[in-house]
Structure formats: C-alpha cells, structure tokens
Amino acid sequence: MTAPGTTVRVKLPTHLRRLAQVDGEVQVDVDGPVTLVAVLDALEARHPVLRGAVRDHGSGRRRPFVRFFACEQDLSHDPPDAPLPDAVARGAEPLLVVGAMAGG
C-alpha cells in the first residue's frame, strides 16, 4: 500500500517500551509503501534508543528472539520489503513486535 504520511500503530514488548520510555502503543508515520523495513526505520528514527534492539545494526536482520505479527499472521520470515497487511497500513490493526521465548 502506498500512502504518504500513513500512521502505523506498533505494539512493543515491555522491555522495549521501557527502553524507549513509552507507554502503550507507539505510532509512527511512514511515507511510501508500508513495509516492515519502512515501519522499523520510522520507529528507530522516532526512538533512536531502539536502534540495534529489534534488528542488527549491520545486516538489518531481525534479532533472533524478536518476532513480528499482524492480523494473526507471523510476518517474521517475510521479506522486509513486502507490503504489510492492509489493516496495518490503514491503522486498523497494530504491528506486534514480540520477544520470543526459548528454553526447555
């Protein structure tokens, strides 16, 4: 979806909300196509302290224990430049950034 100045809702896990010093959802403005990379770029521009926390500085790949969900879909393995679901681009649904758990 291409819409200049689209506002996207992002829900962060507790530890990232604390790091960014925000409560609840974060809203970011995305110019151009609403993709995961565009949303993360906007999120890091608005909250520079999150740079490197969600994705690696050098490669831009998501951190191993970070997952992305929207509209009941796991988007973690989708190409970062693929369009996000229309409901996310319209602001009807948030993009969820989730800290994955591991262990046994």
N, C-alpha and C. Protein backbone atom coordinates (compact mmCIF):
# COMPACT_ATOMS: atom_id res chain seq x y z
N MET A 1 0.85 -1.18 0.00
CA MET A 1 0.00 0.00 0.00
C MET A 1 0.89 1.23 0.00
N THR A 2 0.59 2.20 -0.83
CA THR A 2 1.35 3.43 -0.89
C THR A 2 0.44 4.58 -0.47
N ALA A 3 0.82 5.22 0.63
CA ALA A 3 0.06 6.37 1.10
C ALA A 3 0.99 7.28 1.86
N PRO A 4 1.23 8.49 1.36
CA PRO A 4 2.13 9.38 2.06
C PRO A 4 1.61 9.72 3.45
N GLY A 5 2.51 9.69 4.40
CA GLY A 5 2.14 10.08 5.76
C GLY A 5 1.22 9.10 6.46
N THR A 6 1.28 7.84 6.13
CA THR A 6 0.46 6.82 6.77
C THR A 6 0.92 6.63 8.21
N THR A 7 -0.03 6.62 9.14
CA THR A 7 0.30 6.37 10.54
C THR A 7 0.07 4.90 10.84
N VAL A 8 1.12 4.27 11.34
CA VAL A 8 1.09 2.84 11.67
C VAL A 8 1.22 2.69 13.18
N ARG A 9 0.40 1.81 13.73
CA ARG A 9 0.45 1.50 15.16
C ARG A 9 1.40 0.34 15.39
N VAL A 10 2.25 0.47 16.41
CA VAL A 10 3.22 -0.57 16.75
C VAL A 10 3.11 -0.88 18.23
N LYS A 11 2.95 -2.17 18.55
CA LYS A 11 2.96 -2.60 19.95
C LYS A 11 4.30 -3.26 20.23
N LEU A 12 4.99 -2.75 21.23
CA LEU A 12 6.31 -3.26 21.61
C LEU A 12 6.20 -4.10 22.87
N PRO A 13 7.11 -5.05 23.05
CA PRO A 13 7.13 -5.79 24.31
C PRO A 13 7.57 -4.86 25.44
N THR A 14 7.27 -5.26 26.66
CA THR A 14 7.53 -4.43 27.84
C THR A 14 8.96 -3.92 27.91
N HIS A 15 9.94 -4.78 27.68
CA HIS A 15 11.33 -4.34 27.83
C HIS A 15 11.71 -3.27 26.80
N LEU A 16 11.14 -3.33 25.60
CA LEU A 16 11.43 -2.30 24.60
C LEU A 16 10.66 -1.02 24.89
N ARG A 17 9.45 -1.14 25.44
CA ARG A 17 8.71 0.07 25.86
C ARG A 17 9.48 0.80 26.95
N ARG A 18 10.03 0.04 27.90
CA ARG A 18 10.83 0.66 28.96
C ARG A 18 12.07 1.34 28.37
N LEU A 19 12.74 0.66 27.46
CA LEU A 19 13.94 1.21 26.84
C LEU A 19 13.62 2.53 26.12
N ALA A 20 12.50 2.55 25.39
CA ALA A 20 12.10 3.74 24.63
C ALA A 20 11.37 4.75 25.49
N GLN A 21 11.06 4.38 26.72
CA GLN A 21 10.33 5.23 27.66
C GLN A 21 8.98 5.66 27.10
N VAL A 22 8.22 4.65 26.66
CA VAL A 22 6.88 4.89 26.14
C VAL A 22 5.89 3.98 26.86
N ASP A 23 4.64 4.40 26.88
CA ASP A 23 3.56 3.59 27.43
C ASP A 23 2.64 3.19 26.29
N GLY A 24 2.17 1.96 26.31
CA GLY A 24 1.19 1.53 25.32
C GLY A 24 1.77 1.45 23.92
N GLU A 25 0.90 1.70 22.95
CA GLU A 25 1.30 1.64 21.54
C GLU A 25 2.14 2.84 21.15
N VAL A 26 2.96 2.62 20.14
CA VAL A 26 3.73 3.69 19.52
C VAL A 26 3.12 3.91 18.14
N GLN A 27 2.99 5.16 17.74
CA GLN A 27 2.51 5.45 16.39
C GLN A 27 3.65 6.09 15.61
N VAL A 28 3.86 5.60 14.40
CA VAL A 28 4.91 6.14 13.55
C VAL A 28 4.32 6.50 12.19
N ASP A 29 4.87 7.53 11.60
CA ASP A 29 4.44 7.94 10.26
C ASP A 29 5.38 7.33 9.24
N VAL A 30 4.79 6.72 8.23
CA VAL A 30 5.54 6.07 7.17
C VAL A 30 5.19 6.73 5.85
N ASP A 31 6.20 7.21 5.15
CA ASP A 31 5.99 7.77 3.81
C ASP A 31 6.30 6.68 2.80
N GLY A 32 5.41 6.50 1.85
CA GLY A 32 5.63 5.48 0.84
C GLY A 32 5.02 4.16 1.23
N PRO A 33 5.49 3.09 0.60
CA PRO A 33 4.92 1.77 0.89
C PRO A 33 5.08 1.39 2.36
N VAL A 34 4.02 0.80 2.92
CA VAL A 34 4.04 0.38 4.32
C VAL A 34 4.59 -1.04 4.37
N THR A 35 5.88 -1.12 4.63
CA THR A 35 6.59 -2.40 4.73
C THR A 35 7.20 -2.49 6.11
N LEU A 36 7.66 -3.68 6.46
CA LEU A 36 8.29 -3.87 7.76
C LEU A 36 9.52 -2.98 7.89
N VAL A 37 10.35 -2.93 6.86
CA VAL A 37 11.56 -2.12 6.93
C VAL A 37 11.21 -0.64 7.07
N ALA A 38 10.16 -0.17 6.39
CA ALA A 38 9.76 1.23 6.50
C ALA A 38 9.26 1.55 7.90
N VAL A 39 8.49 0.64 8.48
CA VAL A 39 7.98 0.86 9.84
C VAL A 39 9.13 0.85 10.85
N LEU A 40 10.05 -0.11 10.71
CA LEU A 40 11.18 -0.16 11.64
C LEU A 40 12.10 1.05 11.47
N ASP A 41 12.28 1.52 10.25
CA ASP A 41 13.06 2.74 10.03
C ASP A 41 12.41 3.92 10.75
N ALA A 42 11.09 4.05 10.61
CA ALA A 42 10.36 5.14 11.26
C ALA A 42 10.41 5.00 12.78
N LEU A 43 10.28 3.77 13.27
CA LEU A 43 10.33 3.53 14.71
C LEU A 43 11.69 3.92 15.28
N GLU A 44 12.77 3.52 14.61
CA GLU A 44 14.12 3.83 15.08
C GLU A 44 14.43 5.32 14.93
N ALA A 45 13.85 5.97 13.93
CA ALA A 45 14.06 7.42 13.78
C ALA A 45 13.37 8.17 14.92
N ARG A 46 12.20 7.70 15.30
CA ARG A 46 11.45 8.37 16.39
C ARG A 46 12.02 8.02 17.76
N HIS A 47 12.54 6.80 17.90
CA HIS A 47 13.10 6.33 19.17
C HIS A 47 14.49 5.75 18.90
N PRO A 48 15.50 6.59 18.74
CA PRO A 48 16.85 6.12 18.38
C PRO A 48 17.43 5.09 19.35
N VAL A 49 16.97 5.08 20.58
CA VAL A 49 17.48 4.12 21.55
C VAL A 49 17.13 2.68 21.14
N LEU A 50 16.17 2.51 20.25
CA LEU A 50 15.78 1.16 19.80
C LEU A 50 16.66 0.63 18.67
N ARG A 51 17.54 1.48 18.13
CA ARG A 51 18.43 1.02 17.06
C ARG A 51 19.30 -0.12 17.59
N GLY A 52 19.26 -1.23 16.90
CA GLY A 52 20.02 -2.40 17.31
C GLY A 52 19.27 -3.32 18.26
N ALA A 53 18.14 -2.88 18.80
CA ALA A 53 17.39 -3.70 19.74
C ALA A 53 16.42 -4.65 19.03
N VAL A 54 15.86 -4.21 17.91
CA VAL A 54 14.90 -5.02 17.17
C VAL A 54 15.58 -5.73 16.01
N ARG A 55 16.52 -5.03 15.38
CA ARG A 55 17.26 -5.62 14.26
C ARG A 55 18.73 -5.25 14.38
N ASP A 56 19.55 -6.06 13.79
CA ASP A 56 21.00 -5.90 13.85
C ASP A 56 21.44 -4.62 13.13
N HIS A 57 22.40 -3.89 13.74
CA HIS A 57 22.89 -2.65 13.13
C HIS A 57 23.43 -2.88 11.73
N GLY A 58 24.30 -3.85 11.58
CA GLY A 58 25.00 -4.06 10.31
C GLY A 58 24.15 -4.66 9.22
N SER A 59 23.50 -5.78 9.53
CA SER A 59 22.77 -6.52 8.49
C SER A 59 21.33 -6.04 8.32
N GLY A 60 20.76 -5.42 9.34
CA GLY A 60 19.36 -5.01 9.27
C GLY A 60 18.39 -6.15 9.52
N ARG A 61 18.92 -7.35 9.79
CA ARG A 61 18.05 -8.51 10.05
C ARG A 61 17.49 -8.44 11.47
N ARG A 62 16.30 -9.02 11.62
CA ARG A 62 15.69 -9.02 12.95
C ARG A 62 16.56 -9.81 13.91
N ARG A 63 16.52 -9.42 15.16
CA ARG A 63 17.25 -10.13 16.21
C ARG A 63 16.64 -11.53 16.36
N PRO A 64 17.45 -12.53 16.76
CA PRO A 64 16.97 -13.91 16.82
C PRO A 64 15.72 -14.12 17.68
N PHE A 65 15.56 -13.39 18.77
CA PHE A 65 14.42 -13.62 19.65
C PHE A 65 13.36 -12.54 19.51
N VAL A 66 13.28 -11.94 18.34
CA VAL A 66 12.25 -10.94 18.05
C VAL A 66 11.40 -11.48 16.91
N ARG A 67 10.09 -11.38 17.09
CA ARG A 67 9.15 -11.83 16.06
C ARG A 67 8.19 -10.69 15.73
N PHE A 68 7.60 -10.76 14.53
CA PHE A 68 6.66 -9.74 14.07
C PHE A 68 5.35 -10.42 13.71
N PHE A 69 4.24 -9.88 14.21
CA PHE A 69 2.92 -10.42 13.93
C PHE A 69 1.98 -9.27 13.56
N ALA A 70 1.02 -9.58 12.70
CA ALA A 70 -0.06 -8.65 12.37
C ALA A 70 -1.21 -9.45 11.80
N CYS A 71 -2.41 -9.06 12.17
CA CYS A 71 -3.62 -9.70 11.63
C CYS A 71 -3.56 -11.22 11.79
N GLU A 72 -3.10 -11.66 12.94
CA GLU A 72 -3.00 -13.08 13.28
C GLU A 72 -2.06 -13.85 12.35
N GLN A 73 -1.08 -13.16 11.76
CA GLN A 73 -0.10 -13.79 10.88
C GLN A 73 1.30 -13.54 11.42
N ASP A 74 2.15 -14.55 11.35
CA ASP A 74 3.55 -14.41 11.71
C ASP A 74 4.28 -13.86 10.49
N LEU A 75 4.78 -12.65 10.60
CA LEU A 75 5.47 -11.99 9.49
C LEU A 75 6.98 -12.05 9.64
N SER A 76 7.45 -12.78 10.62
CA SER A 76 8.87 -12.79 10.98
C SER A 76 9.78 -13.23 9.85
N HIS A 77 9.31 -14.12 9.00
CA HIS A 77 10.15 -14.66 7.93
C HIS A 77 9.80 -14.09 6.56
N ASP A 78 8.86 -13.13 6.53
CA ASP A 78 8.52 -12.48 5.26
C ASP A 78 9.66 -11.54 4.86
N PRO A 79 9.81 -11.28 3.56
CA PRO A 79 10.83 -10.31 3.15
C PRO A 79 10.53 -8.95 3.79
N PRO A 80 11.56 -8.26 4.29
CA PRO A 80 11.33 -7.00 4.99
C PRO A 80 10.73 -5.89 4.12
N ASP A 81 10.83 -6.04 2.80
CA ASP A 81 10.26 -5.02 1.91
C ASP A 81 8.90 -5.43 1.34
N ALA A 82 8.33 -6.53 1.85
CA ALA A 82 6.99 -6.95 1.43
C ALA A 82 5.96 -6.03 2.10
N PRO A 83 4.89 -5.70 1.39
CA PRO A 83 3.86 -4.85 2.00
C PRO A 83 3.24 -5.53 3.23
N LEU A 84 3.01 -4.73 4.26
CA LEU A 84 2.32 -5.24 5.44
C LEU A 84 0.83 -5.36 5.12
N PRO A 85 0.08 -6.15 5.89
CA PRO A 85 -1.36 -6.28 5.63
C PRO A 85 -2.04 -4.91 5.58
N ASP A 86 -3.05 -4.82 4.75
CA ASP A 86 -3.77 -3.56 4.54
C ASP A 86 -4.31 -2.98 5.86
N ALA A 87 -4.77 -3.85 6.76
CA ALA A 87 -5.32 -3.36 8.03
C ALA A 87 -4.24 -2.65 8.86
N VAL A 88 -3.00 -3.07 8.74
CA VAL A 88 -1.89 -2.39 9.43
C VAL A 88 -1.63 -1.06 8.75
N ALA A 89 -1.60 -1.06 7.44
CA ALA A 89 -1.34 0.18 6.69
C ALA A 89 -2.43 1.22 6.92
N ARG A 90 -3.66 0.77 7.16
CA ARG A 90 -4.78 1.69 7.43
C ARG A 90 -4.80 2.15 8.88
N GLY A 91 -4.03 1.48 9.75
CA GLY A 91 -4.05 1.82 11.17
C GLY A 91 -5.14 1.11 11.95
N ALA A 92 -5.85 0.19 11.29
CA ALA A 92 -6.92 -0.56 11.95
C ALA A 92 -6.36 -1.62 12.89
N GLU A 93 -5.21 -2.18 12.55
CA GLU A 93 -4.56 -3.22 13.34
C GLU A 93 -3.11 -2.80 13.59
N PRO A 94 -2.55 -3.16 14.76
CA PRO A 94 -1.16 -2.82 15.02
C PRO A 94 -0.20 -3.89 14.49
N LEU A 95 1.03 -3.47 14.29
CA LEU A 95 2.13 -4.40 14.07
C LEU A 95 2.64 -4.77 15.45
N LEU A 96 2.70 -6.05 15.74
CA LEU A 96 3.17 -6.52 17.04
C LEU A 96 4.63 -6.93 16.95
N VAL A 97 5.45 -6.35 17.80
CA VAL A 97 6.84 -6.77 17.94
C VAL A 97 6.86 -7.59 19.23
N VAL A 98 7.24 -8.85 19.11
CA VAL A 98 7.13 -9.78 20.24
C VAL A 98 8.50 -10.37 20.54
N GLY A 99 8.81 -10.42 21.82
CA GLY A 99 10.04 -11.10 22.25
C GLY A 99 9.75 -12.59 22.37
N ALA A 100 10.40 -13.39 21.53
CA ALA A 100 10.19 -14.84 21.54
C ALA A 100 10.84 -15.44 22.78
N MET A 101 10.36 -16.61 23.17
CA MET A 101 10.90 -17.32 24.32
C MET A 101 11.57 -18.59 23.85
N ALA A 102 12.62 -18.98 24.54
CA ALA A 102 13.31 -20.22 24.23
C ALA A 102 13.61 -20.95 25.53
N GLY A 103 13.88 -22.18 25.40
CA GLY A 103 14.21 -22.95 26.59
C GLY A 103 13.48 -24.27 26.59
N GLY A 104 13.70 -25.01 27.62
CA GLY A 104 13.04 -26.30 27.63
C GLY A 104 12.73 -26.78 28.99
